[in-house]
Protein backbone atom coordinates (compact mmCIF):
# COMPACT_ATOMS: atom_id res chain seq x y z
CA UNK A 1 0.04 -0.12 0.19
CA UNK A 2 3.17 3.90 0.22
CA UNK A 3 5.42 6.81 1.82
CA UNK A 4 5.93 5.80 5.66
CA UNK A 5 6.34 2.32 6.90
CA UNK A 6 4.12 -0.25 7.11
CA UNK A 7 5.90 -3.76 9.49
CA UNK A 8 2.41 -5.59 8.82
CA UNK A 9 3.86 -9.08 9.11
CA UNK A 10 0.87 -11.72 10.27
CA UNK A 11 3.46 -15.13 11.06
CA UNK A 12 0.65 -17.87 10.91
CA UNK A 13 -0.07 -21.31 9.32
CA UNK A 14 -1.52 -20.26 6.43
CA UNK A 15 -0.17 -16.92 4.68
CA UNK A 16 2.93 -14.61 4.41
CA UNK A 17 2.17 -11.28 4.98
CA UNK A 18 5.25 -8.71 4.03
CA UNK A 19 5.30 -5.23 5.07
CA UNK A 20 6.34 -2.38 2.10
CA UNK A 21 6.95 0.94 2.81
CA UNK A 22 5.41 3.96 0.78
CA UNK A 23 5.86 5.99 -2.00
CA UNK A 24 8.53 8.81 -1.49
CA UNK A 25 8.28 11.29 -3.91
CA UNK A 26 11.22 13.80 -4.36
CA UNK A 27 14.31 13.41 -5.89
CA UNK A 28 15.26 10.08 -4.01
CA UNK A 29 12.57 8.13 -5.69
CA UNK A 30 15.67 8.00 -7.99
CA UNK A 31 17.03 6.12 -5.14
CA UNK A 32 14.60 3.27 -4.51
CA UNK A 33 15.97 0.49 -1.58
CA UNK A 34 14.87 -1.97 0.46
CA UNK A 35 16.21 -0.80 3.44
CA UNK A 36 13.79 -1.42 6.93
CA UNK A 37 11.79 1.64 7.61
CA UNK A 38 12.43 3.45 10.72
CA UNK A 39 9.69 6.04 12.23
CA UNK A 40 10.11 9.60 11.57
CA UNK A 41 10.40 12.10 14.40
CA UNK A 42 8.68 15.30 13.66
CA UNK A 43 9.84 18.79 13.81
CA UNK A 44 8.96 19.68 17.66
CA UNK A 45 6.83 22.43 15.67
CA UNK A 46 2.73 22.60 15.05
CA UNK A 47 2.26 18.88 14.99
CA UNK A 48 -1.27 18.93 17.14
CA UNK A 49 -2.35 20.03 13.08
CA UNK A 50 -1.13 16.43 12.54
CA UNK A 51 -4.34 14.61 14.19
CA UNK A 52 -6.39 15.83 11.57
CA UNK A 53 -4.10 13.34 9.31
CA UNK A 54 -5.30 10.63 10.60
CA UNK A 55 -6.81 7.66 8.55
CA UNK A 56 -7.08 3.70 9.49
CA UNK A 57 -8.38 1.80 6.34
CA UNK A 58 -7.84 -1.85 6.75
CA UNK A 59 -7.38 -3.39 2.88
CA UNK A 60 -7.84 -6.72 3.06
CA UNK A 61 -6.95 -7.62 -0.51
CA UNK A 62 -4.21 -5.66 -0.77
CA UNK A 63 -1.69 -6.87 2.01
CA UNK A 64 1.89 -5.48 1.47
CA UNK A 65 3.49 -2.30 2.51
CA UNK A 66 5.05 -0.25 -0.98
CA UNK A 67 8.05 1.55 0.08
CA UNK A 68 10.01 4.13 -1.89
CA UNK A 69 12.69 5.85 -0.82
CA UNK A 70 13.52 9.25 -0.83
CA UNK A 71 16.95 10.61 -1.46
CA UNK A 72 18.26 11.62 1.97
CA UNK A 73 18.66 7.97 2.73
CA UNK A 74 18.48 8.06 6.54
CA UNK A 75 15.07 8.67 5.84
CA UNK A 76 13.91 5.09 5.43
CA UNK A 77 10.48 6.34 4.08
CA UNK A 78 7.66 4.37 3.29
CA UNK A 79 6.19 5.02 0.49
CA UNK A 80 1.75 -8.84 -1.31
CA UNK A 81 -12.66 -37.21 -9.05
CA UNK A 82 -10.71 -38.49 -7.30
CA UNK A 83 -9.46 -42.44 -8.77
CA UNK A 84 -9.89 -44.85 -6.12
CA UNK A 85 -9.54 -47.98 -7.21
CA UNK A 86 -5.85 -49.35 -5.76
CA UNK A 87 -4.61 -50.00 -9.65
CA UNK A 88 -4.31 -46.10 -9.78
CA UNK A 89 -3.07 -45.25 -6.89
CA UNK A 90 0.66 -45.81 -7.75
CA UNK A 91 0.36 -42.94 -10.50
CA UNK A 92 -1.71 -40.73 -8.04
CA UNK A 93 1.22 -41.02 -5.20
CA UNK A 94 3.78 -40.40 -7.70
CA UNK A 95 2.39 -37.26 -9.05
CA UNK A 96 1.34 -36.03 -5.57
CA UNK A 97 4.55 -36.71 -4.47
CA UNK A 98 6.37 -34.78 -6.84
CA UNK A 99 4.02 -32.02 -7.15
CA UNK A 100 4.60 -31.57 -3.46
CA UNK A 101 8.65 -31.61 -3.81
CA UNK A 102 8.04 -29.26 -6.86
CA UNK A 103 6.23 -26.61 -5.23
CA UNK A 104 8.84 -24.12 -4.72
CA UNK A 105 9.62 -23.88 -8.16
CA UNK A 106 6.31 -23.72 -9.69
CA UNK A 107 5.70 -20.56 -7.18
CA UNK A 108 9.39 -19.31 -8.90
CA UNK A 109 8.01 -20.10 -12.00
CA UNK A 110 4.64 -18.33 -11.24
CA UNK A 111 5.69 -15.02 -9.86
CA UNK A 112 3.97 -12.04 -11.44
CA UNK A 113 5.77 -9.75 -12.39
CA UNK A 114 7.10 -5.58 -11.33
CA UNK A 115 4.51 -3.93 -9.90
CA UNK A 116 3.83 -1.18 -12.07
CA UNK A 117 3.96 0.64 -9.09
CA UNK A 118 7.18 0.04 -8.92
CA UNK A 119 7.76 2.10 -11.74
CA UNK A 120 6.67 5.26 -11.52
CA UNK A 121 8.52 7.91 -13.66
CA UNK A 122 9.46 10.57 -10.55
CA UNK A 123 11.42 7.60 -9.18
CA UNK A 124 11.46 3.95 -8.48
CA UNK A 125 9.21 1.97 -5.68
CA UNK A 126 10.03 -1.88 -4.03
CA UNK A 127 7.29 -4.31 -2.21
CA UNK A 128 10.02 -4.97 0.57
CA UNK A 129 9.98 -7.22 3.33
CA UNK A 130 9.76 -5.65 6.95
CA UNK A 131 12.08 -5.47 9.44
CA UNK A 132 13.04 -8.06 11.92
CA UNK A 133 12.88 -5.92 14.80
CA UNK A 134 9.12 -6.22 16.31
CA UNK A 135 10.13 -3.21 18.38
CA UNK A 136 9.53 -0.80 15.51
CA UNK A 137 5.52 -1.44 14.59
CA UNK A 138 3.11 0.29 12.15
CA UNK A 139 2.10 2.92 15.37
CA UNK A 140 5.29 3.75 15.26
CA UNK A 141 4.32 6.23 11.99
CA UNK A 142 0.83 6.84 13.65
CA UNK A 143 -0.33 9.73 11.67
CA UNK A 144 0.24 12.15 14.43
CA UNK A 145 4.07 12.14 13.32
CA UNK A 146 3.23 14.24 10.45
CA UNK A 147 3.11 17.92 11.01
CA UNK A 148 0.33 18.36 8.55
CA UNK A 149 0.68 22.07 7.77
CA UNK A 150 3.81 21.04 6.11
CA UNK A 151 2.51 18.26 3.92
CA UNK A 152 -1.38 19.04 3.98
CA UNK A 153 -3.72 16.57 3.29
CA UNK A 154 -5.09 18.06 0.38
CA UNK A 155 -1.74 18.41 -1.23
CA UNK A 156 -1.26 15.06 -0.49
CA UNK A 157 -4.46 13.54 -2.19
CA UNK A 158 -4.35 15.71 -5.04
CA UNK A 159 -0.89 14.41 -5.63
CA UNK A 160 -1.86 11.25 -5.92
CA UNK A 161 -4.33 12.17 -8.30
CA UNK A 162 -1.96 13.79 -10.44
CA UNK A 163 0.54 10.88 -10.60
CA UNK A 164 -2.56 8.65 -11.15
CA UNK A 165 -3.24 11.12 -14.12
CA UNK A 166 -0.25 11.47 -15.69
CA UNK A 167 2.19 9.21 -14.48
CA UNK A 168 2.48 5.54 -16.54
CA UNK A 169 3.02 3.36 -13.73
CA UNK A 170 1.26 4.93 -11.47
CA UNK A 171 -2.14 4.57 -14.06
CA UNK A 172 -1.37 1.57 -14.84
CA UNK A 173 -1.56 -0.02 -11.66
CA UNK A 174 -4.67 1.89 -10.37
CA UNK A 175 -6.08 0.58 -14.00
CA UNK A 176 -5.06 -3.10 -12.86
CA UNK A 177 -6.12 -2.62 -9.52
CA UNK A 178 -9.75 -1.07 -10.50
CA UNK A 179 -10.22 -3.80 -13.34
CA UNK A 180 -9.76 -6.53 -10.28
CA UNK A 181 -12.88 -5.19 -8.65
CA UNK A 182 -15.25 -4.91 -11.62
CA UNK A 183 -17.01 -7.88 -10.92
CA UNK A 184 -17.75 -7.15 -7.28
CA UNK A 185 -20.52 -5.40 -6.78
CA UNK A 186 -20.54 -1.50 -7.18
CA UNK A 187 -20.69 -0.31 -3.72
CA UNK A 188 -17.92 -3.17 -2.41
CA UNK A 189 -15.81 -2.09 -5.68
CA UNK A 190 -15.76 1.65 -4.74
CA UNK A 191 -15.63 1.14 -1.13
CA UNK A 192 -12.04 -1.07 -2.46
CA UNK A 193 -11.19 1.93 -4.10
CA UNK A 194 -11.31 4.22 -1.57
CA UNK A 195 -9.04 2.48 0.77
CA UNK A 196 -6.87 1.87 -1.97
CA UNK A 197 -6.22 5.36 -3.05
CA UNK A 198 -6.61 6.52 0.61
CA UNK A 199 -3.27 4.52 1.51
CA UNK A 200 -1.66 5.85 -1.61
CA UNK A 201 -2.08 8.84 -0.90
CA UNK A 202 -0.63 8.40 2.98
CA UNK A 203 2.15 6.81 1.24
CA UNK A 204 2.83 10.07 -0.74
CA UNK A 205 2.38 12.29 2.22
CA UNK A 206 4.94 10.56 4.63
CA UNK A 207 7.72 10.53 1.36
CA UNK A 208 7.12 14.14 1.21
CA UNK A 209 7.50 15.00 4.56
CA UNK A 210 10.54 12.30 4.91
CA UNK A 211 11.87 14.74 1.72
CA UNK A 212 11.12 17.96 2.73
CA UNK A 213 12.18 18.32 6.59
CA UNK A 214 15.44 16.50 5.44
CA UNK A 215 17.93 14.35 7.51
CA UNK A 216 17.40 15.63 11.52
CA UNK A 217 14.28 15.19 11.98
CA UNK A 218 14.20 16.47 15.23
CA UNK A 219 15.77 19.70 14.44
CA UNK A 220 13.86 22.41 13.80
CA UNK A 221 13.29 23.08 10.29
CA UNK A 222 12.86 26.89 8.80
CA UNK A 223 10.19 27.89 6.21
CA UNK A 224 12.97 28.98 3.84
CA UNK A 225 14.48 25.17 3.83
CA UNK A 226 10.97 24.05 3.32
CA UNK A 227 10.45 26.30 0.83
CA UNK A 228 13.83 24.88 -0.85
CA UNK A 229 12.86 21.94 -0.70
CA UNK A 230 9.23 22.48 -2.05
CA UNK A 231 10.68 24.18 -5.37
CA UNK A 232 12.90 20.94 -5.69
CA UNK A 233 10.68 18.83 -5.91
CA UNK A 234 8.54 21.31 -8.07
CA UNK A 235 11.08 20.75 -11.02
CA UNK A 236 11.21 17.42 -10.80
CA UNK A 237 7.66 17.44 -11.86
CA UNK A 238 7.70 19.62 -13.99
CA UNK A 239 10.50 17.50 -15.47
CA UNK A 240 8.83 14.25 -15.47
CA UNK A 241 5.12 15.70 -16.53
CA UNK A 242 5.87 18.63 -17.78
CA UNK A 243 5.31 17.69 -21.37
CA UNK A 244 1.67 16.53 -20.82
CA UNK A 245 -1.18 18.40 -21.77
CA UNK A 246 -2.28 20.27 -19.02
CA UNK A 247 0.29 18.93 -16.71
CA UNK A 248 2.12 21.98 -15.73
CA UNK A 249 -1.06 24.12 -14.82
CA UNK A 250 -2.11 21.08 -12.47
CA UNK A 251 1.38 20.97 -10.38
CA UNK A 252 1.00 24.99 -10.32
CA UNK A 253 -2.70 24.39 -8.54
CA UNK A 254 -1.32 21.66 -6.73
CA UNK A 255 1.44 23.96 -5.37
CA UNK A 256 -1.34 27.05 -4.41
CA UNK A 257 -2.68 24.35 -1.97
CA UNK A 258 0.80 24.83 0.68
CA UNK A 259 0.62 27.51 2.80
CA UNK A 260 1.63 30.40 1.58
CA UNK A 261 5.39 30.17 4.14
CA UNK A 262 6.20 27.41 1.89
CA UNK A 263 5.53 28.30 -1.83
CA UNK A 264 8.35 28.82 -4.47
CA UNK A 265 6.50 31.64 -5.96
CA UNK A 266 9.48 32.79 -8.30
CA UNK A 267 9.38 29.35 -9.82
CA UNK A 268 5.41 28.92 -9.92
CA UNK A 269 5.68 32.32 -12.31
CA UNK A 270 8.08 30.87 -14.57
CA UNK A 271 7.54 26.91 -14.69
CA UNK A 272 3.72 27.02 -14.08
CA UNK A 273 2.72 30.27 -16.17
CA UNK A 274 -0.16 28.11 -17.85
CA UNK A 275 -1.99 27.98 -14.30
CA UNK A 276 -1.93 31.99 -13.73
CA UNK A 277 -3.82 34.70 -14.54
CA UNK A 278 -3.60 38.43 -13.94
CA UNK A 279 -5.92 39.97 -11.38
CA UNK A 280 -7.21 41.56 -14.32
CA UNK A 281 -8.40 38.75 -16.29
CA UNK A 282 -10.40 37.27 -12.92
CA UNK A 283 -13.71 37.21 -12.49
CA UNK A 284 -14.46 39.34 -9.45
CA UNK A 285 -17.68 37.75 -9.06
CA UNK A 286 -15.82 34.59 -9.43
CA UNK A 287 -13.37 34.61 -7.64
CA UNK A 288 -14.62 35.31 -4.22
CA UNK A 289 -17.18 32.10 -4.71
CA UNK A 290 -16.51 28.80 -4.43
CA UNK A 291 -17.21 27.06 -8.02
CA UNK A 292 -18.98 23.83 -8.06
CA UNK A 293 -16.80 20.87 -9.27
CA UNK A 294 -18.52 18.03 -11.10
CA UNK A 295 -20.65 15.38 -9.81
CA UNK A 296 -18.99 12.77 -8.27
CA UNK A 297 -15.53 14.37 -8.54
CA UNK A 298 -14.65 13.62 -5.24
CA UNK A 299 -14.91 9.79 -5.84
CA UNK A 300 -13.76 10.12 -9.35
CA UNK A 301 -9.87 10.03 -8.14
CA UNK A 302 -8.56 10.00 -11.84
CA UNK A 303 -10.10 13.39 -12.33
CA UNK A 304 -8.26 16.74 -11.75
CA UNK A 305 -9.41 20.40 -11.95
CA UNK A 306 -11.26 21.65 -14.59
CA UNK A 307 -9.83 24.68 -17.05
CA UNK A 308 -11.67 27.18 -15.20
CA UNK A 309 -9.34 26.76 -11.90
CA UNK A 310 -5.76 28.77 -12.34
CA UNK A 311 -3.55 30.78 -9.97
CA UNK A 312 -3.87 34.59 -9.01
CA UNK A 313 -1.19 36.14 -7.14
CA UNK A 314 -2.54 37.41 -3.74
CA UNK A 315 -0.37 41.03 -2.55
CA UNK A 316 -1.90 40.08 1.20
CA UNK A 317 0.32 36.74 1.77
CA UNK A 318 2.65 37.49 -1.30
CA UNK A 319 1.79 33.97 -2.44
CA UNK A 320 -0.23 32.28 -4.93
CA UNK A 321 -4.35 31.08 -4.39
CA UNK A 322 -6.64 29.15 -6.55
CA UNK A 323 -9.29 30.66 -8.36
CA UNK A 324 -12.35 29.98 -8.07
CA UNK A 325 -12.26 29.63 -4.79
CA UNK A 326 -12.06 26.03 -4.38
CA UNK A 327 -13.30 24.69 -0.97
CA UNK A 328 -9.98 22.44 0.54
CA UNK A 329 -12.05 20.68 3.61
CA UNK A 330 -10.06 18.45 5.64
CA UNK A 331 -12.46 16.66 8.17
CA UNK A 332 -11.68 14.08 10.54
CA UNK A 333 -14.41 10.87 9.78
CA UNK A 334 -15.02 8.05 11.48
CA UNK A 335 -15.11 4.63 9.04
CA UNK A 336 -16.59 1.44 9.63
CA UNK A 337 -15.35 -0.65 12.70
CA UNK A 338 -14.48 2.45 14.46
CA UNK A 339 -11.18 3.56 12.46
CA UNK A 340 -10.48 7.42 11.60
CA UNK A 341 -9.93 9.07 8.43
CA UNK A 342 -9.41 12.33 7.04
CA UNK A 343 -11.47 13.64 4.30
CA UNK A 344 -10.53 15.98 1.68
CA UNK A 345 -12.33 17.89 -1.82
CA UNK A 346 -10.01 14.70 -3.90
CA UNK A 347 -10.14 11.83 -1.83
CA UNK A 348 -9.57 9.81 1.33
CA UNK A 349 -6.27 10.15 3.21
CA UNK A 350 -5.36 7.35 5.11
CA UNK A 351 -3.40 6.18 7.71
CA UNK A 352 -1.66 3.20 6.60
CA UNK A 353 0.25 2.56 3.59
CA UNK A 354 -0.51 0.15 0.82
CA UNK A 355 -0.05 -3.50 1.82
CA UNK A 356 -0.24 -6.32 -0.15
CA UNK A 357 0.29 -10.43 0.13
CA UNK A 358 3.24 -11.49 -1.12
CA UNK A 359 2.45 -12.21 -4.46
CA UNK A 360 5.22 -15.57 -4.64
CA UNK A 361 7.02 -17.35 -1.51
CA UNK A 362 10.40 -18.20 -1.77
CA UNK A 363 11.41 -21.64 -0.28
CA UNK A 364 12.63 -20.52 3.15
CA UNK A 365 8.79 -19.07 3.08
CA UNK A 366 7.14 -22.68 2.51
CA UNK A 367 9.59 -24.02 4.33
CA UNK A 368 8.84 -22.11 7.16
CA UNK A 369 5.31 -22.93 6.96
CA UNK A 370 5.48 -26.68 6.73
CA UNK A 371 7.76 -26.55 9.96
CA UNK A 372 5.79 -24.73 12.29
CA UNK A 373 2.25 -26.59 10.72
CA UNK A 374 3.89 -29.35 11.11
CA UNK A 375 4.95 -28.82 14.95
CA UNK A 376 1.61 -27.44 15.49
CA UNK A 377 -0.34 -29.77 13.76
CA UNK A 378 1.57 -32.96 16.24
CA UNK A 379 1.13 -30.74 19.10
CA UNK A 380 -2.42 -30.19 19.42
CA UNK A 381 -3.31 -33.97 18.12
CA UNK A 382 -0.45 -35.02 20.92
CA UNK A 383 -2.55 -33.40 23.11
CA UNK A 384 -5.91 -35.80 22.12
CA UNK A 385 -4.62 -38.47 22.05
CA UNK A 386 -6.82 -40.61 25.01
CA UNK A 387 -9.82 -39.30 23.02
CA UNK A 388 -8.84 -40.52 19.74
CA UNK A 389 -8.43 -43.67 21.36
CA UNK A 390 -11.37 -43.61 23.04
CA UNK A 391 -13.15 -42.49 19.21
CA UNK A 392 -11.66 -45.52 17.73
CA UNK A 393 -12.14 -48.03 19.94
CA UNK A 394 -16.25 -46.86 20.16
CA UNK A 395 -16.21 -46.79 16.38
CA UNK A 396 -14.55 -50.23 15.96
CA UNK A 397 -16.54 -51.61 18.97
CA UNK A 398 -19.77 -50.50 18.77
CA UNK A 399 -21.76 -50.46 21.93
CA UNK A 400 -18.85 -51.68 24.13
CA UNK A 401 -19.14 -48.01 25.96
CA UNK A 402 -21.24 -45.76 27.61
CA UNK A 403 -19.41 -42.97 26.55
CA UNK A 404 -16.18 -41.33 26.40
CA UNK A 405 -15.99 -40.82 30.29
CA UNK A 406 -17.05 -44.22 30.54
CA UNK A 407 -14.63 -45.26 28.08
CA UNK A 408 -11.42 -43.45 29.42
CA UNK A 409 -12.40 -45.14 32.62
CA UNK A 410 -12.59 -48.60 31.47
CA UNK A 411 -9.98 -48.60 29.33
CA UNK A 412 -7.82 -47.40 32.01
CA UNK A 413 -8.80 -49.96 34.38
CA UNK A 414 -9.08 -52.87 32.17
CA UNK A 415 -5.76 -51.93 30.41
CA UNK A 416 -3.77 -49.46 32.34
CA UNK A 417 -3.54 -45.68 31.82
CA UNK A 418 -0.86 -46.40 29.12
CA UNK A 419 -3.34 -47.75 27.15
CA UNK A 420 -4.47 -44.23 26.80
CA UNK A 421 -1.96 -43.55 24.77
CA UNK A 422 -1.79 -46.49 22.04
CA UNK A 423 -0.93 -44.97 18.60
CA UNK A 424 0.77 -41.84 19.99
CA UNK A 425 3.59 -42.80 17.18
CA UNK A 426 1.91 -42.99 14.45
CA UNK A 427 -0.48 -40.13 15.86
CA UNK A 428 2.63 -37.62 16.09
CA UNK A 429 4.35 -38.46 12.37
CA UNK A 430 0.79 -38.58 10.95
CA UNK A 431 0.00 -35.38 12.34
CA UNK A 432 3.54 -33.46 11.56
CA UNK A 433 3.43 -35.02 8.23
CA UNK A 434 0.32 -33.13 7.56
CA UNK A 435 0.99 -30.25 9.01
CA UNK A 436 4.10 -30.34 6.73
CA UNK A 437 1.97 -30.22 3.71
CA UNK A 438 -1.58 -28.81 4.13
CA UNK A 439 -0.32 -25.11 4.90
CA UNK A 440 2.82 -24.82 1.83
CA UNK A 441 0.46 -26.51 -0.49
CA UNK A 442 -2.53 -24.18 0.92
CA UNK A 443 -0.62 -20.82 0.43
CA UNK A 444 0.77 -22.12 -3.10
CA UNK A 445 -2.69 -23.44 -4.44
CA UNK A 446 -3.98 -20.43 -3.54
CA UNK A 447 -1.58 -18.37 -5.05
CA UNK A 448 -1.49 -20.23 -7.83
CA UNK A 449 -5.53 -20.44 -8.55
CA UNK A 450 -5.75 -16.41 -8.26
CA UNK A 451 -2.66 -15.30 -9.75
CA UNK A 452 -2.36 -17.84 -12.86
CA UNK A 453 -5.39 -20.31 -13.39
CA UNK A 454 -8.08 -16.98 -12.95
CA UNK A 455 -8.20 -13.80 -14.04
CA UNK A 456 -7.72 -11.19 -11.76
CA UNK A 457 -10.97 -9.79 -11.50
CA UNK A 458 -12.98 -13.29 -10.93
CA UNK A 459 -10.27 -14.14 -8.68
CA UNK A 460 -11.69 -11.29 -6.53
CA UNK A 461 -15.08 -12.00 -6.60
CA UNK A 462 -14.71 -15.36 -6.32
CA UNK A 463 -12.15 -15.74 -3.04
CA UNK A 464 -14.19 -17.74 -0.69
CA UNK A 465 -14.72 -20.35 -3.78
CA UNK A 466 -10.58 -20.34 -4.39
CA UNK A 467 -9.87 -20.37 -0.74
CA UNK A 468 -12.14 -23.83 -0.72
CA UNK A 469 -10.29 -24.89 -4.11
CA UNK A 470 -7.07 -24.75 -2.53
CA UNK A 471 -7.86 -26.14 0.71
CA UNK A 472 -9.21 -29.11 -1.01
CA UNK A 473 -5.73 -29.78 -2.90
CA UNK A 474 -4.00 -29.27 -0.27
CA UNK A 475 -6.12 -31.44 1.83
CA UNK A 476 -5.72 -34.47 -0.72
CA UNK A 477 -2.16 -33.87 -0.66
CA UNK A 478 -1.75 -34.21 3.00
CA UNK A 479 -4.71 -37.08 2.89
CA UNK A 480 -2.15 -39.26 0.57
CA UNK A 481 0.67 -39.10 3.40
CA UNK A 482 -1.62 -39.82 6.35
CA UNK A 483 -4.09 -42.83 5.07
CA UNK A 484 -1.14 -45.37 5.31
CA UNK A 485 0.03 -44.05 9.09
CA UNK A 486 -3.77 -43.55 10.02
CA UNK A 487 -4.52 -47.18 9.17
CA UNK A 488 -1.44 -48.12 11.33
CA UNK A 489 -3.02 -45.56 14.16
CA UNK A 490 -6.57 -47.48 13.69
CA UNK A 491 -4.70 -51.22 14.25
CA UNK A 492 -2.29 -50.26 17.18
CA UNK A 493 -5.57 -49.17 19.15
CA UNK A 494 -8.24 -50.92 18.06
CA UNK A 495 -5.67 -54.39 18.40
CA UNK A 496 -3.47 -53.76 20.88
CA UNK A 497 -2.06 -56.81 21.39
CA UNK A 498 -1.37 -57.89 18.39
CA UNK A 499 0.08 -54.22 17.19
CA UNK A 500 1.22 -52.66 20.60
CA UNK A 501 5.22 -53.55 20.72
CA UNK A 502 5.26 -53.83 16.67
CA UNK A 503 5.56 -49.88 16.25
CA UNK A 504 4.67 -48.01 13.25
CA UNK A 505 7.14 -49.41 10.78
CA UNK A 506 6.43 -52.84 11.92
CA UNK A 507 2.61 -52.36 11.61
CA UNK A 508 3.35 -50.92 8.42
CA UNK A 509 5.02 -54.01 7.22
CA UNK A 510 2.14 -56.89 8.56
CA UNK A 511 -0.54 -54.32 7.10
CA UNK A 512 1.44 -54.87 3.61
CA UNK A 513 1.66 -58.18 3.74
CA UNK A 514 -1.91 -59.54 4.41
CA UNK A 515 -2.83 -59.24 0.46
CA UNK A 516 -0.05 -60.67 -0.82
CA UNK A 517 -1.53 -59.15 -4.31
CA UNK A 518 -2.05 -55.50 -3.12
CA UNK A 519 1.05 -55.25 -0.95
CA UNK A 520 1.87 -51.76 0.15
CA UNK A 521 -1.10 -50.49 -1.44
CA UNK A 522 -3.11 -51.97 0.88
CA UNK A 523 -2.13 -49.33 3.71
CA UNK A 524 -4.32 -46.80 1.14
CA UNK A 525 -7.92 -49.25 1.39
CA UNK A 526 -9.42 -46.61 3.45
CA UNK A 527 -7.78 -43.72 1.33
CA UNK A 528 -11.20 -42.86 -0.44
CA UNK A 529 -13.14 -42.39 3.07
CA UNK A 530 -10.09 -40.18 4.69
CA UNK A 531 -9.38 -37.93 1.76
CA UNK A 532 -13.53 -37.23 1.49
CA UNK A 533 -13.35 -36.31 5.31
CA UNK A 534 -10.30 -34.37 4.91
CA UNK A 535 -11.13 -32.45 1.89
CA UNK A 536 -14.47 -31.37 3.34
CA UNK A 537 -12.67 -30.62 6.79
CA UNK A 538 -9.57 -28.58 5.24
CA UNK A 539 -11.51 -26.56 2.66
CA UNK A 540 -13.85 -25.43 5.34
CA UNK A 541 -11.45 -24.67 7.95
CA UNK A 542 -9.08 -22.58 5.43
CA UNK A 543 -12.14 -20.44 4.34
CA UNK A 544 -13.24 -19.70 7.90
CA UNK A 545 -9.79 -18.96 9.29
CA UNK A 546 -9.64 -16.46 5.85
CA UNK A 547 -12.90 -15.04 6.79
CA UNK A 548 -12.22 -14.68 10.50
CA UNK A 549 -9.12 -13.55 10.28
CA UNK A 550 -10.39 -10.78 7.62
CA UNK A 551 -12.54 -9.99 10.02
CA UNK A 552 -10.93 -8.90 13.26
CA UNK A 553 -7.73 -7.38 11.04
CA UNK A 554 -11.04 -4.93 9.78
CA UNK A 555 -11.80 -4.47 13.59
CA UNK A 556 -8.99 -3.88 14.97
CA UNK A 557 -6.81 -3.16 12.32
CA UNK A 558 -3.23 -2.39 14.95
CA UNK A 559 -3.10 -5.70 15.56
CA UNK A 560 -1.63 -6.27 13.01
CA UNK A 561 1.20 -4.24 13.57
CA UNK A 562 3.44 -6.71 16.08
CA UNK A 563 3.93 -10.35 15.46
CA UNK A 564 2.65 -11.17 18.57
CA UNK A 565 -1.15 -9.63 18.22
CA UNK A 566 -0.97 -11.36 15.03
CA UNK A 567 -0.04 -14.60 15.90
CA UNK A 568 -3.12 -14.06 18.75
CA UNK A 569 -5.39 -13.46 15.68
CA UNK A 570 -4.33 -16.29 13.89
CA UNK A 571 -5.29 -18.36 17.25
CA UNK A 572 -8.70 -16.98 17.56
CA UNK A 573 -9.31 -17.22 13.58
CA UNK A 574 -8.24 -20.50 13.40
CA UNK A 575 -10.62 -21.63 16.61
CA UNK A 576 -13.35 -20.10 15.26
């Protein structure tokens, strides 16, 4: 999402989130890096007005922050039909094992091209990994750290519009984003576009602030220094977009929104003369009025001020003002889930930079997903082994016990307490495999289906279906390894007198030797039923997790700020 650091990293079983910094506008944009972002300390002056710049937006569809670093390196300004016959299972197992082994390679092959937003003409942007230091949280970049007088919200949102209109990279990014929402209901599409624009504008505001304040954030920056740096920014915008129709006039109008003491008036009169009209040419009746803009101007974020707007020099303020007068309101508002925002004439201003889910995951990420998933599954299933023992006995010998409690006490009394731990080896190994395979597989299939098999609008409009299918496919892969181990666990629990001392490998050997024709395939006799169970469970589980975690983060966006709270959300969402 662009010009301030966002350290959103939800370390959970299913998704690896990546924070990206925001879009810095300035000479520095020519030096894009992936350095970790650091919090900005505002000048000690006039920070109260910055409270007006607060906007909380949680864009569930974009979870990764974009960062364009400025020309001042110290400012890390920030600018995501099962065939069941045993005779065919060898090919199924071989193909599935190969698919699981190739996940990292397929992921690399399906990596998306560079995001158009990374190709701004005024600089270059990069989607970066978050820093490892959890002590640096997104809250460190609260809008309260920005002096809204130095970078007015209206200036930031209108510059965002100018970039979306004139910059090829920003325009292409916005076009793809809007297109991806084309199959959504109109109100939902407008809502998501508004959030994305607000985050884009916020990133720009952060980047400009870092650029004009300079290296020493704690030091007082004089108006003359700020004016000089705004002059540099003006020259950059004219150099990059000045040859496009109407660009000089729009840039002139943009700088007319700055406080008088920051305006590079001499440069405006020379470089943006297309925007300037004399007092004599100004209609006195029009000048004092607020001119009406086209309907839906505030929502159409790629629209610019029409030609009737110009700059006029004011002798009283020694600066340029926009005529006819534009109502540059800046109003703090509340959005859904109690989050705050600032509304301007040119659109919303967010309190969070752009973010997205990492489009492709490296091998180390898949490995971490597998390790954490395997450890979690093995641990949780180990705790419920006694329940599994009683359940299996009740299923294999119906009517033997009056209930779970009676079954547990009877087994412990007749066979000893250790009997409640029958099948421990198979349980740990089986669900270790399940966790290692299912979570990386889900992460891969979710991205592969959503980004490679389906076009963006369809994938966004059918996000629930993508999650269901990805969960089902991941469960199929997991079931292929779980089935023979589960068969051994059931034998060990149902017939302990035969299999208790054999161990997992010994039990596998016995089952494989029971049918000379089938051999090891006999271990997969229960594949259809187990796979059906796991597919239903896995697909619903992943969908529920996605929607629960999305709802929680939407209600309390601050929970994304630290790994600990993000993990807590994962735990709650997984339990839900």
